[in-house]
mmCIF file of all heavy atoms, coordinates in Angstrom:
data_MODEL
# 
_entry.id   MODEL 
# 
loop_
_atom_site.group_PDB 
_atom_site.id 
_atom_site.type_symbol 
_atom_site.label_atom_id 
_atom_site.label_alt_id 
_atom_site.label_comp_id 
_atom_site.label_asym_id 
_atom_site.label_entity_id 
_atom_site.label_seq_id 
_atom_site.pdbx_PDB_ins_code 
_atom_site.Cartn_x 
_atom_site.Cartn_y 
_atom_site.Cartn_z 
_atom_site.occupancy 
_atom_site.B_iso_or_equiv 
_atom_site.pdbx_formal_charge 
_atom_site.auth_seq_id 
_atom_site.auth_comp_id 
_atom_site.auth_asym_id 
_atom_site.auth_atom_id 
_atom_site.pdbx_PDB_model_num 
ATOM 1   N N   . ALA A 1 1  ? -1.140  -10.226 -0.276 1.00 0.00 ? 1  ALA A N   1 
ATOM 2   C CA  . ALA A 1 1  ? -1.099  -8.936  -1.053 1.00 0.00 ? 1  ALA A CA  1 
ATOM 3   C C   . ALA A 1 1  ? -1.056  -7.689  -0.065 1.00 0.00 ? 1  ALA A C   1 
ATOM 4   O O   . ALA A 1 1  ? -0.270  -6.782  -0.451 1.00 0.00 ? 1  ALA A O   1 
ATOM 5   C CB  . ALA A 1 1  ? -2.350  -8.812  -1.897 1.00 0.00 ? 1  ALA A CB  1 
ATOM 6   N N   . ILE A 1 2  ? -1.768  -7.639  0.997  1.00 0.00 ? 2  ILE A N   1 
ATOM 7   C CA  . ILE A 1 2  ? -1.739  -6.457  1.857  1.00 0.00 ? 2  ILE A CA  1 
ATOM 8   C C   . ILE A 1 2  ? -0.320  -6.450  2.457  1.00 0.00 ? 2  ILE A C   1 
ATOM 9   O O   . ILE A 1 2  ? 0.314   -5.389  2.530  1.00 0.00 ? 2  ILE A O   1 
ATOM 10  C CB  . ILE A 1 2  ? -2.753  -6.672  3.033  1.00 0.00 ? 2  ILE A CB  1 
ATOM 11  C CG1 . ILE A 1 2  ? -4.134  -6.512  2.352  1.00 0.00 ? 2  ILE A CG1 1 
ATOM 12  C CG2 . ILE A 1 2  ? -2.512  -5.611  4.094  1.00 0.00 ? 2  ILE A CG2 1 
ATOM 13  C CD1 . ILE A 1 2  ? -5.176  -6.673  3.373  1.00 0.00 ? 2  ILE A CD1 1 
ATOM 14  N N   . ARG A 1 3  ? 0.232   -7.590  2.914  1.00 0.00 ? 3  ARG A N   1 
ATOM 15  C CA  . ARG A 1 3  ? 1.647   -7.600  3.341  1.00 0.00 ? 3  ARG A CA  1 
ATOM 16  C C   . ARG A 1 3  ? 2.632   -6.969  2.507  1.00 0.00 ? 3  ARG A C   1 
ATOM 17  O O   . ARG A 1 3  ? 3.527   -6.235  2.936  1.00 0.00 ? 3  ARG A O   1 
ATOM 18  C CB  . ARG A 1 3  ? 2.010   -9.114  3.874  1.00 0.00 ? 3  ARG A CB  1 
ATOM 19  C CG  . ARG A 1 3  ? 3.321   -9.149  4.531  1.00 0.00 ? 3  ARG A CG  1 
ATOM 20  C CD  . ARG A 1 3  ? 3.806   -10.653 4.858  1.00 0.00 ? 3  ARG A CD  1 
ATOM 21  N NE  . ARG A 1 3  ? 4.061   -11.331 3.588  1.00 0.00 ? 3  ARG A NE  1 
ATOM 22  C CZ  . ARG A 1 3  ? 5.249   -11.204 3.088  1.00 0.00 ? 3  ARG A CZ  1 
ATOM 23  N NH1 . ARG A 1 3  ? 6.197   -10.572 3.596  1.00 0.00 ? 3  ARG A NH1 1 
ATOM 24  N NH2 . ARG A 1 3  ? 5.530   -11.984 2.018  1.00 0.00 ? 3  ARG A NH2 1 
ATOM 25  N N   . LEU A 1 4  ? 2.596   -7.459  1.207  1.00 0.00 ? 4  LEU A N   1 
ATOM 26  C CA  . LEU A 1 4  ? 3.558   -6.985  0.261  1.00 0.00 ? 4  LEU A CA  1 
ATOM 27  C C   . LEU A 1 4  ? 3.401   -5.470  0.034  1.00 0.00 ? 4  LEU A C   1 
ATOM 28  O O   . LEU A 1 4  ? 4.311   -4.699  -0.226 1.00 0.00 ? 4  LEU A O   1 
ATOM 29  C CB  . LEU A 1 4  ? 3.466   -7.824  -1.014 1.00 0.00 ? 4  LEU A CB  1 
ATOM 30  C CG  . LEU A 1 4  ? 3.914   -9.186  -0.877 1.00 0.00 ? 4  LEU A CG  1 
ATOM 31  C CD1 . LEU A 1 4  ? 3.577   -10.079 -2.184 1.00 0.00 ? 4  LEU A CD1 1 
ATOM 32  C CD2 . LEU A 1 4  ? 5.397   -9.319  -0.660 1.00 0.00 ? 4  LEU A CD2 1 
ATOM 33  N N   . THR A 1 5  ? 2.047   -4.990  -0.172 1.00 0.00 ? 5  THR A N   1 
ATOM 34  C CA  . THR A 1 5  ? 1.871   -3.646  -0.357 1.00 0.00 ? 5  THR A CA  1 
ATOM 35  C C   . THR A 1 5  ? 2.297   -2.754  0.739  1.00 0.00 ? 5  THR A C   1 
ATOM 36  O O   . THR A 1 5  ? 2.848   -1.626  0.612  1.00 0.00 ? 5  THR A O   1 
ATOM 37  C CB  . THR A 1 5  ? 0.322   -3.494  -0.641 1.00 0.00 ? 5  THR A CB  1 
ATOM 38  O OG1 . THR A 1 5  ? -0.062  -4.347  -1.591 1.00 0.00 ? 5  THR A OG1 1 
ATOM 39  C CG2 . THR A 1 5  ? 0.022   -1.975  -1.065 1.00 0.00 ? 5  THR A CG2 1 
ATOM 40  N N   . ARG A 1 6  ? 2.204   -3.333  2.023  1.00 0.00 ? 6  ARG A N   1 
ATOM 41  C CA  . ARG A 1 6  ? 2.813   -2.589  3.221  1.00 0.00 ? 6  ARG A CA  1 
ATOM 42  C C   . ARG A 1 6  ? 4.282   -2.497  3.080  1.00 0.00 ? 6  ARG A C   1 
ATOM 43  O O   . ARG A 1 6  ? 4.758   -1.367  3.271  1.00 0.00 ? 6  ARG A O   1 
ATOM 44  C CB  . ARG A 1 6  ? 2.398   -3.248  4.553  1.00 0.00 ? 6  ARG A CB  1 
ATOM 45  C CG  . ARG A 1 6  ? 1.041   -3.156  5.040  1.00 0.00 ? 6  ARG A CG  1 
ATOM 46  C CD  . ARG A 1 6  ? 0.986   -3.735  6.376  1.00 0.00 ? 6  ARG A CD  1 
ATOM 47  N NE  . ARG A 1 6  ? -0.381  -3.887  6.811  1.00 0.00 ? 6  ARG A NE  1 
ATOM 48  C CZ  . ARG A 1 6  ? -1.039  -2.903  7.458  1.00 0.00 ? 6  ARG A CZ  1 
ATOM 49  N NH1 . ARG A 1 6  ? -0.495  -1.664  7.506  1.00 0.00 ? 6  ARG A NH1 1 
ATOM 50  N NH2 . ARG A 1 6  ? -2.253  -3.042  7.971  1.00 0.00 ? 6  ARG A NH2 1 
ATOM 51  N N   . GLN A 1 7  ? 5.070   -3.538  2.603  1.00 0.00 ? 7  GLN A N   1 
ATOM 52  C CA  . GLN A 1 7  ? 6.325   -3.409  2.378  1.00 0.00 ? 7  GLN A CA  1 
ATOM 53  C C   . GLN A 1 7  ? 6.818   -2.396  1.384  1.00 0.00 ? 7  GLN A C   1 
ATOM 54  O O   . GLN A 1 7  ? 7.565   -1.587  1.576  1.00 0.00 ? 7  GLN A O   1 
ATOM 55  C CB  . GLN A 1 7  ? 6.982   -4.883  1.970  1.00 0.00 ? 7  GLN A CB  1 
ATOM 56  C CG  . GLN A 1 7  ? 7.053   -5.913  3.090  1.00 0.00 ? 7  GLN A CG  1 
ATOM 57  C CD  . GLN A 1 7  ? 7.717   -7.104  2.375  1.00 0.00 ? 7  GLN A CD  1 
ATOM 58  O OE1 . GLN A 1 7  ? 8.206   -7.231  1.340  1.00 0.00 ? 7  GLN A OE1 1 
ATOM 59  N NE2 . GLN A 1 7  ? 7.750   -8.088  3.257  1.00 0.00 ? 7  GLN A NE2 1 
ATOM 60  N N   . LEU A 1 8  ? 5.979   -2.389  0.306  1.00 0.00 ? 8  LEU A N   1 
ATOM 61  C CA  . LEU A 1 8  ? 6.233   -1.435  -0.710 1.00 0.00 ? 8  LEU A CA  1 
ATOM 62  C C   . LEU A 1 8  ? 5.999   0.043   -0.322 1.00 0.00 ? 8  LEU A C   1 
ATOM 63  O O   . LEU A 1 8  ? 6.798   0.886   -0.510 1.00 0.00 ? 8  LEU A O   1 
ATOM 64  C CB  . LEU A 1 8  ? 5.312   -1.790  -2.064 1.00 0.00 ? 8  LEU A CB  1 
ATOM 65  C CG  . LEU A 1 8  ? 5.691   -1.023  -3.331 1.00 0.00 ? 8  LEU A CG  1 
ATOM 66  C CD1 . LEU A 1 8  ? 6.961   -1.162  -3.815 1.00 0.00 ? 8  LEU A CD1 1 
ATOM 67  C CD2 . LEU A 1 8  ? 4.625   -1.438  -4.395 1.00 0.00 ? 8  LEU A CD2 1 
ATOM 68  N N   . ALA A 1 9  ? 4.953   0.225   0.486  1.00 0.00 ? 9  ALA A N   1 
ATOM 69  C CA  . ALA A 1 9  ? 4.652   1.641   0.942  1.00 0.00 ? 9  ALA A CA  1 
ATOM 70  C C   . ALA A 1 9  ? 5.744   2.014   1.903  1.00 0.00 ? 9  ALA A C   1 
ATOM 71  O O   . ALA A 1 9  ? 6.029   3.233   1.958  1.00 0.00 ? 9  ALA A O   1 
ATOM 72  C CB  . ALA A 1 9  ? 3.230   1.627   1.660  1.00 0.00 ? 9  ALA A CB  1 
ATOM 73  N N   . ALA A 1 10 ? 6.339   1.134   2.611  1.00 0.00 ? 10 ALA A N   1 
ATOM 74  C CA  . ALA A 1 10 ? 7.355   1.519   3.545  1.00 0.00 ? 10 ALA A CA  1 
ATOM 75  C C   . ALA A 1 10 ? 8.636   1.763   2.824  1.00 0.00 ? 10 ALA A C   1 
ATOM 76  O O   . ALA A 1 10 ? 9.633   2.452   3.346  1.00 0.00 ? 10 ALA A O   1 
ATOM 77  C CB  . ALA A 1 10 ? 7.526   0.367   4.524  1.00 0.00 ? 10 ALA A CB  1 
ATOM 78  N N   . SER A 1 11 ? 8.865   1.244   1.605  1.00 0.00 ? 11 SER A N   1 
ATOM 79  C CA  . SER A 1 11 ? 10.160  1.547   0.925  1.00 0.00 ? 11 SER A CA  1 
ATOM 80  C C   . SER A 1 11 ? 10.248  2.613   -0.059 1.00 0.00 ? 11 SER A C   1 
ATOM 81  O O   . SER A 1 11 ? 11.333  3.091   -0.448 1.00 0.00 ? 11 SER A O   1 
ATOM 82  C CB  . SER A 1 11 ? 10.519  0.145   0.220  1.00 0.00 ? 11 SER A CB  1 
ATOM 83  O OG  . SER A 1 11 ? 9.554   -0.173  -0.806 1.00 0.00 ? 11 SER A OG  1 
ATOM 84  N N   . ILE A 1 12 ? 8.964   3.028   -0.705 1.00 0.00 ? 12 ILE A N   1 
ATOM 85  C CA  . ILE A 1 12 ? 8.950   4.048   -1.548 1.00 0.00 ? 12 ILE A CA  1 
ATOM 86  C C   . ILE A 1 12 ? 7.917   5.049   -1.141 1.00 0.00 ? 12 ILE A C   1 
ATOM 87  O O   . ILE A 1 12 ? 6.807   4.677   -0.556 1.00 0.00 ? 12 ILE A O   1 
ATOM 88  C CB  . ILE A 1 12 ? 8.705   3.482   -3.033 1.00 0.00 ? 12 ILE A CB  1 
ATOM 89  C CG1 . ILE A 1 12 ? 7.390   2.898   -3.146 1.00 0.00 ? 12 ILE A CG1 1 
ATOM 90  C CG2 . ILE A 1 12 ? 9.904   2.676   -3.439 1.00 0.00 ? 12 ILE A CG2 1 
ATOM 91  C CD1 . ILE A 1 12 ? 7.109   2.555   -4.651 1.00 0.00 ? 12 ILE A CD1 1 
ATOM 92  N N   . ASP A 1 13 ? 8.027   6.326   -1.589 1.00 0.00 ? 13 ASP A N   1 
ATOM 93  C CA  . ASP A 1 13 ? 7.068   7.343   -1.218 1.00 0.00 ? 13 ASP A CA  1 
ATOM 94  C C   . ASP A 1 13 ? 6.304   7.652   -2.541 1.00 0.00 ? 13 ASP A C   1 
ATOM 95  O O   . ASP A 1 13 ? 6.734   8.330   -3.452 1.00 0.00 ? 13 ASP A O   1 
ATOM 96  C CB  . ASP A 1 13 ? 7.859   8.682   -0.917 1.00 0.00 ? 13 ASP A CB  1 
ATOM 97  C CG  . ASP A 1 13 ? 6.888   9.757   -0.459 1.00 0.00 ? 13 ASP A CG  1 
ATOM 98  O OD1 . ASP A 1 13 ? 5.686   9.539   -0.175 1.00 0.00 ? 13 ASP A OD1 1 
ATOM 99  O OD2 . ASP A 1 13 ? 7.315   10.880  -0.432 1.00 0.00 ? 13 ASP A OD2 1 
ATOM 100 N N   . HIS A 1 14 ? 5.045   7.036   -2.667 1.00 0.00 ? 14 HIS A N   1 
ATOM 101 C CA  . HIS A 1 14 ? 4.307   7.009   -3.921 1.00 0.00 ? 14 HIS A CA  1 
ATOM 102 C C   . HIS A 1 14 ? 2.777   7.159   -3.559 1.00 0.00 ? 14 HIS A C   1 
ATOM 103 O O   . HIS A 1 14 ? 2.404   6.157   -2.788 1.00 0.00 ? 14 HIS A O   1 
ATOM 104 C CB  . HIS A 1 14 ? 4.623   5.822   -4.798 1.00 0.00 ? 14 HIS A CB  1 
ATOM 105 C CG  . HIS A 1 14 ? 4.196   5.829   -6.065 1.00 0.00 ? 14 HIS A CG  1 
ATOM 106 N ND1 . HIS A 1 14 ? 2.885   6.007   -6.510 1.00 0.00 ? 14 HIS A ND1 1 
ATOM 107 C CD2 . HIS A 1 14 ? 4.863   5.790   -7.371 1.00 0.00 ? 14 HIS A CD2 1 
ATOM 108 C CE1 . HIS A 1 14 ? 2.715   6.090   -7.821 1.00 0.00 ? 14 HIS A CE1 1 
ATOM 109 N NE2 . HIS A 1 14 ? 3.895   5.900   -8.260 1.00 0.00 ? 14 HIS A NE2 1 
ATOM 110 N N   . PRO A 1 15 ? 2.132   8.084   -3.859 1.00 0.00 ? 15 PRO A N   1 
ATOM 111 C CA  . PRO A 1 15 ? 0.617   8.240   -3.418 1.00 0.00 ? 15 PRO A CA  1 
ATOM 112 C C   . PRO A 1 15 ? -0.272  7.017   -3.955 1.00 0.00 ? 15 PRO A C   1 
ATOM 113 O O   . PRO A 1 15 ? -1.181  6.671   -3.223 1.00 0.00 ? 15 PRO A O   1 
ATOM 114 C CB  . PRO A 1 15 ? 0.256   9.536   -4.077 1.00 0.00 ? 15 PRO A CB  1 
ATOM 115 C CG  . PRO A 1 15 ? 1.211   9.845   -5.087 1.00 0.00 ? 15 PRO A CG  1 
ATOM 116 C CD  . PRO A 1 15 ? 2.439   9.286   -4.623 1.00 0.00 ? 15 PRO A CD  1 
ATOM 117 N N   . GLU A 1 16 ? 0.120   6.460   -5.044 1.00 0.00 ? 16 GLU A N   1 
ATOM 118 C CA  . GLU A 1 16 ? -0.729  5.391   -5.581 1.00 0.00 ? 16 GLU A CA  1 
ATOM 119 C C   . GLU A 1 16 ? -0.495  4.153   -4.776 1.00 0.00 ? 16 GLU A C   1 
ATOM 120 O O   . GLU A 1 16 ? -1.424  3.274   -4.672 1.00 0.00 ? 16 GLU A O   1 
ATOM 121 C CB  . GLU A 1 16 ? -0.596  5.246   -7.084 1.00 0.00 ? 16 GLU A CB  1 
ATOM 122 C CG  . GLU A 1 16 ? -1.447  5.941   -7.928 1.00 0.00 ? 16 GLU A CG  1 
ATOM 123 C CD  . GLU A 1 16 ? -3.025  5.596   -7.718 1.00 0.00 ? 16 GLU A CD  1 
ATOM 124 O OE1 . GLU A 1 16 ? -3.469  6.125   -6.829 1.00 0.00 ? 16 GLU A OE1 1 
ATOM 125 O OE2 . GLU A 1 16 ? -3.439  4.853   -8.572 1.00 0.00 ? 16 GLU A OE2 1 
ATOM 126 N N   . VAL A 1 17 ? 0.721   3.832   -4.298 1.00 0.00 ? 17 VAL A N   1 
ATOM 127 C CA  . VAL A 1 17 ? 1.082   2.864   -3.350 1.00 0.00 ? 17 VAL A CA  1 
ATOM 128 C C   . VAL A 1 17 ? 0.282   2.947   -2.082 1.00 0.00 ? 17 VAL A C   1 
ATOM 129 O O   . VAL A 1 17 ? -0.520  1.888   -1.605 1.00 0.00 ? 17 VAL A O   1 
ATOM 130 C CB  . VAL A 1 17 ? 2.449   2.766   -3.021 1.00 0.00 ? 17 VAL A CB  1 
ATOM 131 C CG1 . VAL A 1 17 ? 2.819   1.533   -2.080 1.00 0.00 ? 17 VAL A CG1 1 
ATOM 132 C CG2 . VAL A 1 17 ? 3.294   2.450   -4.258 1.00 0.00 ? 17 VAL A CG2 1 
ATOM 133 N N   . ALA A 1 18 ? 0.208   4.037   -1.642 1.00 0.00 ? 18 ALA A N   1 
ATOM 134 C CA  . ALA A 1 18 ? -0.680  4.442   -0.406 1.00 0.00 ? 18 ALA A CA  1 
ATOM 135 C C   . ALA A 1 18 ? -2.253  4.207   -0.788 1.00 0.00 ? 18 ALA A C   1 
ATOM 136 O O   . ALA A 1 18 ? -2.998  3.685   0.036  1.00 0.00 ? 18 ALA A O   1 
ATOM 137 C CB  . ALA A 1 18 ? -0.490  5.781   0.090  1.00 0.00 ? 18 ALA A CB  1 
ATOM 138 N N   . GLY A 1 19 ? -2.595  4.720   -1.958 1.00 0.00 ? 19 GLY A N   1 
ATOM 139 C CA  . GLY A 1 19 ? -3.891  4.481   -2.476 1.00 0.00 ? 19 GLY A CA  1 
ATOM 140 C C   . GLY A 1 19 ? -4.275  3.106   -2.463 1.00 0.00 ? 19 GLY A C   1 
ATOM 141 O O   . GLY A 1 19 ? -5.481  2.625   -2.000 1.00 0.00 ? 19 GLY A O   1 
ATOM 142 N N   . LEU A 1 20 ? -3.449  2.155   -2.999 1.00 0.00 ? 20 LEU A N   1 
ATOM 143 C CA  . LEU A 1 20 ? -3.818  0.712   -3.052 1.00 0.00 ? 20 LEU A CA  1 
ATOM 144 C C   . LEU A 1 20 ? -3.858  0.043   -1.714 1.00 0.00 ? 20 LEU A C   1 
ATOM 145 O O   . LEU A 1 20 ? -4.726  -0.717  -1.428 1.00 0.00 ? 20 LEU A O   1 
ATOM 146 C CB  . LEU A 1 20 ? -2.702  0.019   -3.943 1.00 0.00 ? 20 LEU A CB  1 
ATOM 147 C CG  . LEU A 1 20 ? -2.844  -1.422  -4.057 1.00 0.00 ? 20 LEU A CG  1 
ATOM 148 C CD1 . LEU A 1 20 ? -4.205  -1.862  -4.702 1.00 0.00 ? 20 LEU A CD1 1 
ATOM 149 C CD2 . LEU A 1 20 ? -1.749  -2.092  -4.924 1.00 0.00 ? 20 LEU A CD2 1 
ATOM 150 N N   . LEU A 1 21 ? -2.877  0.574   -0.771 1.00 0.00 ? 21 LEU A N   1 
ATOM 151 C CA  . LEU A 1 21 ? -2.877  -0.076  0.593  1.00 0.00 ? 21 LEU A CA  1 
ATOM 152 C C   . LEU A 1 21 ? -4.244  0.329   1.273  1.00 0.00 ? 21 LEU A C   1 
ATOM 153 O O   . LEU A 1 21 ? -4.844  -0.492  1.858  1.00 0.00 ? 21 LEU A O   1 
ATOM 154 C CB  . LEU A 1 21 ? -1.695  0.438   1.400  1.00 0.00 ? 21 LEU A CB  1 
ATOM 155 C CG  . LEU A 1 21 ? -1.796  -0.029  2.821  1.00 0.00 ? 21 LEU A CG  1 
ATOM 156 C CD1 . LEU A 1 21 ? -1.619  -1.498  2.923  1.00 0.00 ? 21 LEU A CD1 1 
ATOM 157 C CD2 . LEU A 1 21 ? -0.371  0.645   3.514  1.00 0.00 ? 21 LEU A CD2 1 
ATOM 158 N N   . ALA A 1 22 ? -4.627  1.554   1.067  1.00 0.00 ? 22 ALA A N   1 
ATOM 159 C CA  . ALA A 1 22 ? -5.914  1.997   1.691  1.00 0.00 ? 22 ALA A CA  1 
ATOM 160 C C   . ALA A 1 22 ? -7.130  1.220   1.065  1.00 0.00 ? 22 ALA A C   1 
ATOM 161 O O   . ALA A 1 22 ? -8.025  0.658   1.931  1.00 0.00 ? 22 ALA A O   1 
ATOM 162 C CB  . ALA A 1 22 ? -6.208  3.403   1.414  1.00 0.00 ? 22 ALA A CB  1 
ATOM 163 N N   . LEU A 1 23 ? -7.086  1.074   -0.173 1.00 0.00 ? 23 LEU A N   1 
ATOM 164 C CA  . LEU A 1 23 ? -8.130  0.234   -0.819 1.00 0.00 ? 23 LEU A CA  1 
ATOM 165 C C   . LEU A 1 23 ? -8.268  -1.136  -0.332 1.00 0.00 ? 23 LEU A C   1 
ATOM 166 O O   . LEU A 1 23 ? -9.305  -1.679  -0.028 1.00 0.00 ? 23 LEU A O   1 
ATOM 167 C CB  . LEU A 1 23 ? -8.040  0.254   -2.312 1.00 0.00 ? 23 LEU A CB  1 
ATOM 168 C CG  . LEU A 1 23 ? -8.930  -0.426  -3.202 1.00 0.00 ? 23 LEU A CG  1 
ATOM 169 C CD1 . LEU A 1 23 ? -10.370 -0.073  -3.092 1.00 0.00 ? 23 LEU A CD1 1 
ATOM 170 C CD2 . LEU A 1 23 ? -8.525  -0.547  -4.664 1.00 0.00 ? 23 LEU A CD2 1 
ATOM 171 N N   . MET A 1 24 ? -7.164  -1.825  -0.206 1.00 0.00 ? 24 MET A N   1 
ATOM 172 C CA  . MET A 1 24 ? -7.019  -3.163  0.328  1.00 0.00 ? 24 MET A CA  1 
ATOM 173 C C   . MET A 1 24 ? -7.584  -3.165  1.697  1.00 0.00 ? 24 MET A C   1 
ATOM 174 O O   . MET A 1 24 ? -8.350  -4.098  2.016  1.00 0.00 ? 24 MET A O   1 
ATOM 175 C CB  . MET A 1 24 ? -5.647  -3.599  0.217  1.00 0.00 ? 24 MET A CB  1 
ATOM 176 C CG  . MET A 1 24 ? -5.180  -4.004  -1.163 1.00 0.00 ? 24 MET A CG  1 
ATOM 177 S SD  . MET A 1 24 ? -3.444  -4.595  -1.067 1.00 0.00 ? 24 MET A SD  1 
ATOM 178 C CE  . MET A 1 24 ? -3.055  -5.062  -2.885 1.00 0.00 ? 24 MET A CE  1 
ATOM 179 N N   . LEU A 1 25 ? -7.202  -2.369  2.616  1.00 0.00 ? 25 LEU A N   1 
ATOM 180 C CA  . LEU A 1 25 ? -7.560  -2.307  3.968  1.00 0.00 ? 25 LEU A CA  1 
ATOM 181 C C   . LEU A 1 25 ? -9.040  -2.185  4.087  1.00 0.00 ? 25 LEU A C   1 
ATOM 182 O O   . LEU A 1 25 ? -9.778  -2.829  4.849  1.00 0.00 ? 25 LEU A O   1 
ATOM 183 C CB  . LEU A 1 25 ? -6.752  -1.261  4.770  1.00 0.00 ? 25 LEU A CB  1 
ATOM 184 C CG  . LEU A 1 25 ? -5.365  -1.516  4.988  1.00 0.00 ? 25 LEU A CG  1 
ATOM 185 C CD1 . LEU A 1 25 ? -4.713  -0.258  5.460  1.00 0.00 ? 25 LEU A CD1 1 
ATOM 186 C CD2 . LEU A 1 25 ? -5.036  -2.719  5.908  1.00 0.00 ? 25 LEU A CD2 1 
ATOM 187 N N   . LEU A 1 26 ? -9.590  -1.226  3.285  1.00 0.00 ? 26 LEU A N   1 
ATOM 188 C CA  . LEU A 1 26 ? -10.954 -0.978  3.464  1.00 0.00 ? 26 LEU A CA  1 
ATOM 189 C C   . LEU A 1 26 ? -11.827 -2.114  2.823  1.00 0.00 ? 26 LEU A C   1 
ATOM 190 O O   . LEU A 1 26 ? -12.858 -2.447  3.526  1.00 0.00 ? 26 LEU A O   1 
ATOM 191 C CB  . LEU A 1 26 ? -11.347 0.356   2.672  1.00 0.00 ? 26 LEU A CB  1 
ATOM 192 C CG  . LEU A 1 26 ? -10.805 1.670   3.220  1.00 0.00 ? 26 LEU A CG  1 
ATOM 193 C CD1 . LEU A 1 26 ? -10.874 2.796   2.274  1.00 0.00 ? 26 LEU A CD1 1 
ATOM 194 C CD2 . LEU A 1 26 ? -11.692 1.964   4.576  1.00 0.00 ? 26 LEU A CD2 1 
ATOM 195 N N   . HIS A 1 27 ? -11.394 -2.749  1.978  1.00 0.00 ? 27 HIS A N   1 
ATOM 196 C CA  . HIS A 1 27 ? -12.226 -3.887  1.397  1.00 0.00 ? 27 HIS A CA  1 
ATOM 197 C C   . HIS A 1 27 ? -12.053 -5.111  2.285  1.00 0.00 ? 27 HIS A C   1 
ATOM 198 O O   . HIS A 1 27 ? -12.952 -5.786  2.796  1.00 0.00 ? 27 HIS A O   1 
ATOM 199 C CB  . HIS A 1 27 ? -11.737 -4.339  0.093  1.00 0.00 ? 27 HIS A CB  1 
ATOM 200 C CG  . HIS A 1 27 ? -12.250 -3.607  -1.105 1.00 0.00 ? 27 HIS A CG  1 
ATOM 201 N ND1 . HIS A 1 27 ? -13.656 -3.370  -1.175 1.00 0.00 ? 27 HIS A ND1 1 
ATOM 202 C CD2 . HIS A 1 27 ? -11.753 -3.072  -2.261 1.00 0.00 ? 27 HIS A CD2 1 
ATOM 203 C CE1 . HIS A 1 27 ? -13.947 -2.610  -2.298 1.00 0.00 ? 27 HIS A CE1 1 
ATOM 204 N NE2 . HIS A 1 27 ? -12.725 -2.335  -2.945 1.00 0.00 ? 27 HIS A NE2 1 
# 
């Protein structure tokens, strides 16, 4: 899930994508 969210964050500029990636990394 983290890998796919990284891919998504790299492909689109969306603050909630970044928020989800941060949440996953912190957990």
